[in-house]
């Protein structure tokens, strides 16, 4: 198995594994928080769905400009 190292001596495979593990922990933690009924009720009062709907046209416009 051939490992490429960067200036610190850490392999890029190890760094990628740490990054993907961190992303997985973030997604898992977000799921745990959002599964709590109190948090869901609080987010419903704030109107997070309305904010997301209002931002969709801007996101679509950004993605179109980025693809050019």
C-alpha atoms as a PDB file:
ATOM      1  CA  UNK A   1       0.000   0.000   0.000  1.00  0.00           C
ATOM      2  CA  UNK A   2       1.469   3.305  -1.077  1.00  0.00           C
ATOM      3  CA  UNK A   3       0.867   6.296   1.217  1.00  0.00           C
ATOM      4  CA  UNK A   4       1.584   9.873   0.218  1.00  0.00           C
ATOM      5  CA  UNK A   5       2.572  12.192   3.033  1.00  0.00           C
ATOM      6  CA  UNK A   6       2.334  15.937   3.272  1.00  0.00           C
ATOM      7  CA  UNK A   7       4.763  18.282   5.010  1.00  0.00           C
ATOM      8  CA  UNK A   8       3.567  17.252   8.487  1.00  0.00           C
ATOM      9  CA  UNK A   9       4.156  13.574   7.863  1.00  0.00           C
ATOM     10  CA  UNK A  10       0.438  12.741   8.052  1.00  0.00           C
ATOM     11  CA  UNK A  11      -0.969  10.640   5.253  1.00  0.00           C
ATOM     12  CA  UNK A  12      -3.686  12.183   3.136  1.00  0.00           C
ATOM     13  CA  UNK A  13      -5.807   9.044   3.661  1.00  0.00           C
ATOM     14  CA  UNK A  14      -5.796   9.629   7.398  1.00  0.00           C
ATOM     15  CA  UNK A  15      -6.784  13.269   6.987  1.00  0.00           C
ATOM     16  CA  UNK A  16      -9.631  12.292   4.653  1.00  0.00           C
ATOM     17  CA  UNK A  17     -10.839   9.702   7.149  1.00  0.00           C
ATOM     18  CA  UNK A  18     -10.830  12.286   9.945  1.00  0.00           C
ATOM     19  CA  UNK A  19     -12.727  14.767   7.779  1.00  0.00           C
ATOM     20  CA  UNK A  20     -15.389  12.228   6.770  1.00  0.00           C
ATOM     21  CA  UNK A  21     -15.699  11.054  10.379  1.00  0.00           C
ATOM     22  CA  UNK A  22     -16.231  14.642  11.498  1.00  0.00           C
ATOM     23  CA  UNK A  23     -18.904  15.209   8.872  1.00  0.00           C
ATOM     24  CA  UNK A  24     -20.646  11.999   9.933  1.00  0.00           C
ATOM     25  CA  UNK A  25     -20.617  13.130  13.568  1.00  0.00           C
ATOM     26  CA  UNK A  26     -22.084  16.511  12.606  1.00  0.00           C
ATOM     27  CA  UNK A  27     -24.892  14.879  10.621  1.00  0.00           C
ATOM     28  CA  UNK A  28     -25.591  12.386  13.421  1.00  0.00           C
ATOM     29  CA  UNK A  29     -25.619  15.134  16.067  1.00  0.00           C
ATOM     30  CA  UNK A  30     -27.922  17.303  13.985  1.00  0.00           C
ATOM     31  CA  UNK A  31     -30.305  14.376  13.606  1.00  0.00           C
ATOM     32  CA  UNK A  32     -30.316  13.803  17.352  1.00  0.00           C
ATOM     33  CA  UNK A  33     -31.033  17.447  18.087  1.00  0.00           C
ATOM     34  CA  UNK A  34     -33.785  17.721  15.479  1.00  0.00           C
ATOM     35  CA  UNK A  35     -35.461  14.520  16.697  1.00  0.00           C
ATOM     36  CA  UNK A  36     -36.172  16.184  20.046  1.00  0.00           C
ATOM     37  CA  UNK A  37     -39.833  17.304  20.113  1.00  0.00           C
ATOM     38  CA  UNK A  38     -39.056  20.458  22.103  1.00  0.00           C
ATOM     39  CA  UNK A  39     -36.503  21.585  19.520  1.00  0.00           C
ATOM     40  CA  UNK A  40     -38.892  20.818  16.670  1.00  0.00           C
ATOM     41  CA  UNK A  41     -41.644  22.847  18.319  1.00  0.00           C
ATOM     42  CA  UNK A  42     -39.250  25.759  18.892  1.00  0.00           C
ATOM     43  CA  UNK A  43     -38.078  25.726  15.270  1.00  0.00           C
ATOM     44  CA  UNK A  44     -41.711  25.616  14.152  1.00  0.00           C
ATOM     45  CA  UNK A  45     -42.417  28.785  16.139  1.00  0.00           C
ATOM     46  CA  UNK A  46     -39.472  30.606  14.603  1.00  0.00           C
ATOM     47  CA  UNK A  47     -40.674  29.831  11.093  1.00  0.00           C
ATOM     48  CA  UNK A  48     -37.542  28.144   9.799  1.00  0.00           C
ATOM     49  CA  UNK A  49     -39.519  26.622   6.924  1.00  0.00           C
ATOM     50  CA  UNK A  50     -40.523  30.059   5.693  1.00  0.00           C
ATOM     51  CA  UNK A  51     -36.910  31.202   5.819  1.00  0.00           C
ATOM     52  CA  UNK A  52     -35.808  28.171   3.809  1.00  0.00           C
ATOM     53  CA  UNK A  53     -38.495  28.787   1.182  1.00  0.00           C
ATOM     54  CA  UNK A  54     -37.508  32.434   0.896  1.00  0.00           C
ATOM     55  CA  UNK A  55     -33.850  31.543   0.364  1.00  0.00           C
ATOM     56  CA  UNK A  56     -34.418  28.908  -2.350  1.00  0.00           C
ATOM     57  CA  UNK A  57     -34.566  31.395  -5.278  1.00  0.00           C
ATOM     58  CA  UNK A  58     -31.267  32.926  -4.154  1.00  0.00           C
ATOM     59  CA  UNK A  59     -29.637  29.516  -3.882  1.00  0.00           C
ATOM     60  CA  UNK A  60     -30.872  28.520  -7.345  1.00  0.00           C
ATOM     61  CA  UNK A  61     -29.562  31.789  -8.793  1.00  0.00           C
ATOM     62  CA  UNK A  62     -26.176  31.203  -7.123  1.00  0.00           C
ATOM     63  CA  UNK A  63     -25.934  27.671  -8.516  1.00  0.00           C
ATOM     64  CA  UNK A  64     -26.783  28.889 -12.034  1.00  0.00           C
ATOM     65  CA  UNK A  65     -24.083  31.575 -11.838  1.00  0.00           C
ATOM     66  CA  UNK A  66     -21.565  29.085 -10.467  1.00  0.00           C
ATOM     67  CA  UNK A  67     -22.169  26.642 -13.333  1.00  0.00           C
ATOM     68  CA  UNK A  68     -21.399  29.303 -15.973  1.00  0.00           C
END
